[in-house]
Amino acid sequence: MNVSGFNHITIRVSRLETSLAFYRDILKMNLVHQGRTDVYLEWGTAWICLIETDERKKGSKRGPGVDHIAFSIQEKDFDQAVEQLLRYEIPILRGPVERGGGRVVNFLDPDQIQLELNTGNLYTRMKHWR
């Protein structure tokens, strides 16, 4: 599998405005998009998505924490990577699908941490998010 680098991390947060202030004002990340329950911030060649979660909602078992970590992969290497995940019987949670201007597949590592392979970038995502 030819992963070419870090793509993004998605973090579930309890209060979007508080977390936005921390990442933007303290860590000096650049705000790219702010929605009702999500924000996208950029720093260097990587980006971060903050998603507000309400663990008080009925049936919600996902409180604040890392949702998933995404790695960049070239479009030409994507199908082969998915085949490799299947060959090694890696649990696939979503995909492969088109999402936000790129192809993605979400899967679990041996410790059940959700990972993602993503052919897109922040700006292709923003074109499809707005």
Protein backbone atom coordinates (compact mmCIF):
# COMPACT_ATOMS: atom_id res chain seq x y z
CA MET A 1 0.00 0.00 0.00
CA ASN A 2 1.47 3.31 -1.07
CA VAL A 3 0.23 5.86 1.50
CA SER A 4 1.76 9.23 0.66
CA GLY A 5 1.31 11.11 3.93
CA PHE A 6 -0.99 12.47 6.57
CA ASN A 7 -4.28 13.88 5.23
CA HIS A 8 -6.47 14.96 8.17
CA ILE A 9 -7.81 14.09 11.58
CA THR A 10 -11.44 14.37 12.65
CA ILE A 11 -12.10 15.05 16.32
CA ARG A 12 -15.43 14.87 18.12
CA VAL A 13 -15.76 17.82 20.53
CA SER A 14 -18.31 18.66 23.22
CA ARG A 15 -18.48 22.42 22.50
CA LEU A 16 -17.65 23.57 19.01
CA GLU A 17 -17.09 27.25 19.85
CA THR A 18 -14.74 26.44 22.75
CA SER A 19 -12.71 24.00 20.64
CA LEU A 20 -12.64 26.37 17.68
CA ALA A 21 -11.22 29.13 19.87
CA PHE A 22 -8.51 26.75 21.13
CA TYR A 23 -7.40 25.45 17.72
CA ARG A 24 -7.71 28.81 15.95
CA ASP A 25 -6.55 31.25 18.62
CA ILE A 26 -4.10 29.20 20.69
CA LEU A 27 -2.69 26.77 18.09
CA LYS A 28 -3.03 29.35 15.28
CA MET A 29 -4.74 27.08 12.75
CA ASN A 30 -6.51 28.80 9.86
CA LEU A 31 -10.30 28.58 9.78
CA VAL A 32 -11.46 27.45 6.33
CA HIS A 33 -15.12 26.58 6.93
CA GLN A 34 -17.56 26.86 9.82
CA GLY A 35 -20.86 25.03 9.71
CA ARG A 36 -23.53 24.55 12.35
CA THR A 37 -21.87 21.48 13.93
CA ASP A 38 -18.48 21.32 12.22
CA VAL A 39 -15.42 23.40 11.41
CA TYR A 40 -12.47 22.78 9.12
CA LEU A 41 -9.08 24.21 9.97
CA GLU A 42 -5.82 24.07 8.08
CA TRP A 43 -2.21 24.16 9.10
CA GLY A 44 0.61 23.51 6.69
CA THR A 45 -0.38 20.74 4.31
CA ALA A 46 -2.72 19.02 6.77
CA TRP A 47 -6.18 19.84 8.04
CA ILE A 48 -8.41 19.09 10.96
CA CYS A 49 -12.16 18.71 11.23
CA LEU A 50 -13.93 19.36 14.53
CA ILE A 51 -17.41 17.86 14.85
CA GLU A 52 -19.64 18.76 17.77
CA THR A 53 -21.07 15.69 19.43
CA ASP A 54 -23.79 15.48 22.04
CA GLU A 55 -23.27 12.33 24.06
CA ARG A 56 -26.51 13.14 25.91
CA LYS A 57 -28.53 12.32 22.80
CA LYS A 58 -30.44 9.09 23.04
CA GLY A 59 -28.37 6.20 21.75
CA SER A 60 -25.16 8.20 21.35
CA LYS A 61 -22.12 6.27 22.51
CA ARG A 62 -19.52 8.51 20.93
CA GLY A 63 -18.42 11.34 23.16
CA PRO A 64 -15.47 13.65 22.61
CA GLY A 65 -12.28 12.13 21.21
CA VAL A 66 -10.58 11.18 17.98
CA ASP A 67 -13.11 10.03 15.41
CA HIS A 68 -10.61 8.93 12.75
CA ILE A 69 -7.20 9.64 11.25
CA ALA A 70 -6.91 9.92 7.48
CA PHE A 71 -3.92 9.27 5.26
CA SER A 72 -3.43 10.59 1.73
CA ILE A 73 -3.19 8.16 -1.12
CA GLN A 74 -2.91 8.81 -4.84
CA GLU A 75 -5.94 7.99 -6.97
CA LYS A 76 -3.83 5.55 -9.02
CA ASP A 77 -3.01 3.54 -5.86
CA PHE A 78 -6.47 3.59 -4.26
CA ASP A 79 -8.04 0.46 -5.77
CA GLN A 80 -4.95 -1.63 -5.05
CA ALA A 81 -4.98 -0.42 -1.44
CA VAL A 82 -8.63 -1.43 -1.03
CA GLU A 83 -7.83 -4.84 -2.51
CA GLN A 84 -5.02 -5.21 0.01
CA LEU A 85 -7.34 -4.33 2.92
CA LEU A 86 -9.77 -6.99 1.71
CA ARG A 87 -7.04 -9.56 1.14
CA TYR A 88 -5.80 -9.12 4.71
CA GLU A 89 -9.39 -9.18 6.00
CA ILE A 90 -9.09 -5.71 7.53
CA PRO A 91 -12.51 -4.61 8.83
CA ILE A 92 -13.90 -1.94 6.47
CA LEU A 93 -16.41 0.43 8.08
CA ARG A 94 -17.31 2.57 5.06
CA GLY A 95 -16.54 2.50 1.40
CA PRO A 96 -14.93 2.69 -0.84
CA VAL A 97 -17.09 5.72 -1.67
CA GLU A 98 -16.86 9.12 -3.31
CA ARG A 99 -16.94 11.73 -0.54
CA GLY A 100 -16.10 15.40 -0.61
CA GLY A 101 -14.44 15.31 -4.02
CA GLY A 102 -12.25 12.29 -3.37
CA ARG A 103 -12.44 8.56 -2.85
CA VAL A 104 -12.34 7.27 0.71
CA VAL A 105 -12.37 4.02 2.57
CA ASN A 106 -12.58 3.78 6.37
CA PHE A 107 -11.23 0.75 8.20
CA LEU A 108 -9.97 -0.42 11.60
CA ASP A 109 -6.44 -1.03 12.77
CA PRO A 110 -5.64 -3.94 15.16
CA ASP A 111 -6.61 -1.79 18.18
CA GLN A 112 -9.96 -0.80 16.60
CA ILE A 113 -8.81 2.74 15.80
CA GLN A 114 -10.62 4.07 12.75
CA LEU A 115 -8.34 5.01 9.86
CA GLU A 116 -9.14 6.39 6.43
CA LEU A 117 -7.47 6.44 3.03
CA ASN A 118 -8.41 9.60 1.16
CA THR A 119 -7.57 10.70 -2.39
CA GLY A 120 -8.90 14.23 -1.84
CA ASN A 121 -7.73 17.29 0.03
CA LEU A 122 -9.27 20.10 2.04
CA TYR A 123 -10.08 22.25 -0.97
CA THR A 124 -11.79 19.49 -2.94
CA ARG A 125 -13.80 18.77 0.22
CA MET A 126 -14.82 22.42 0.61
CA LYS A 127 -16.04 22.60 -3.01
CA HIS A 128 -18.51 19.81 -2.21
CA TRP A 129 -19.33 20.78 1.39
CA ARG A 130 -20.83 24.23 0.87
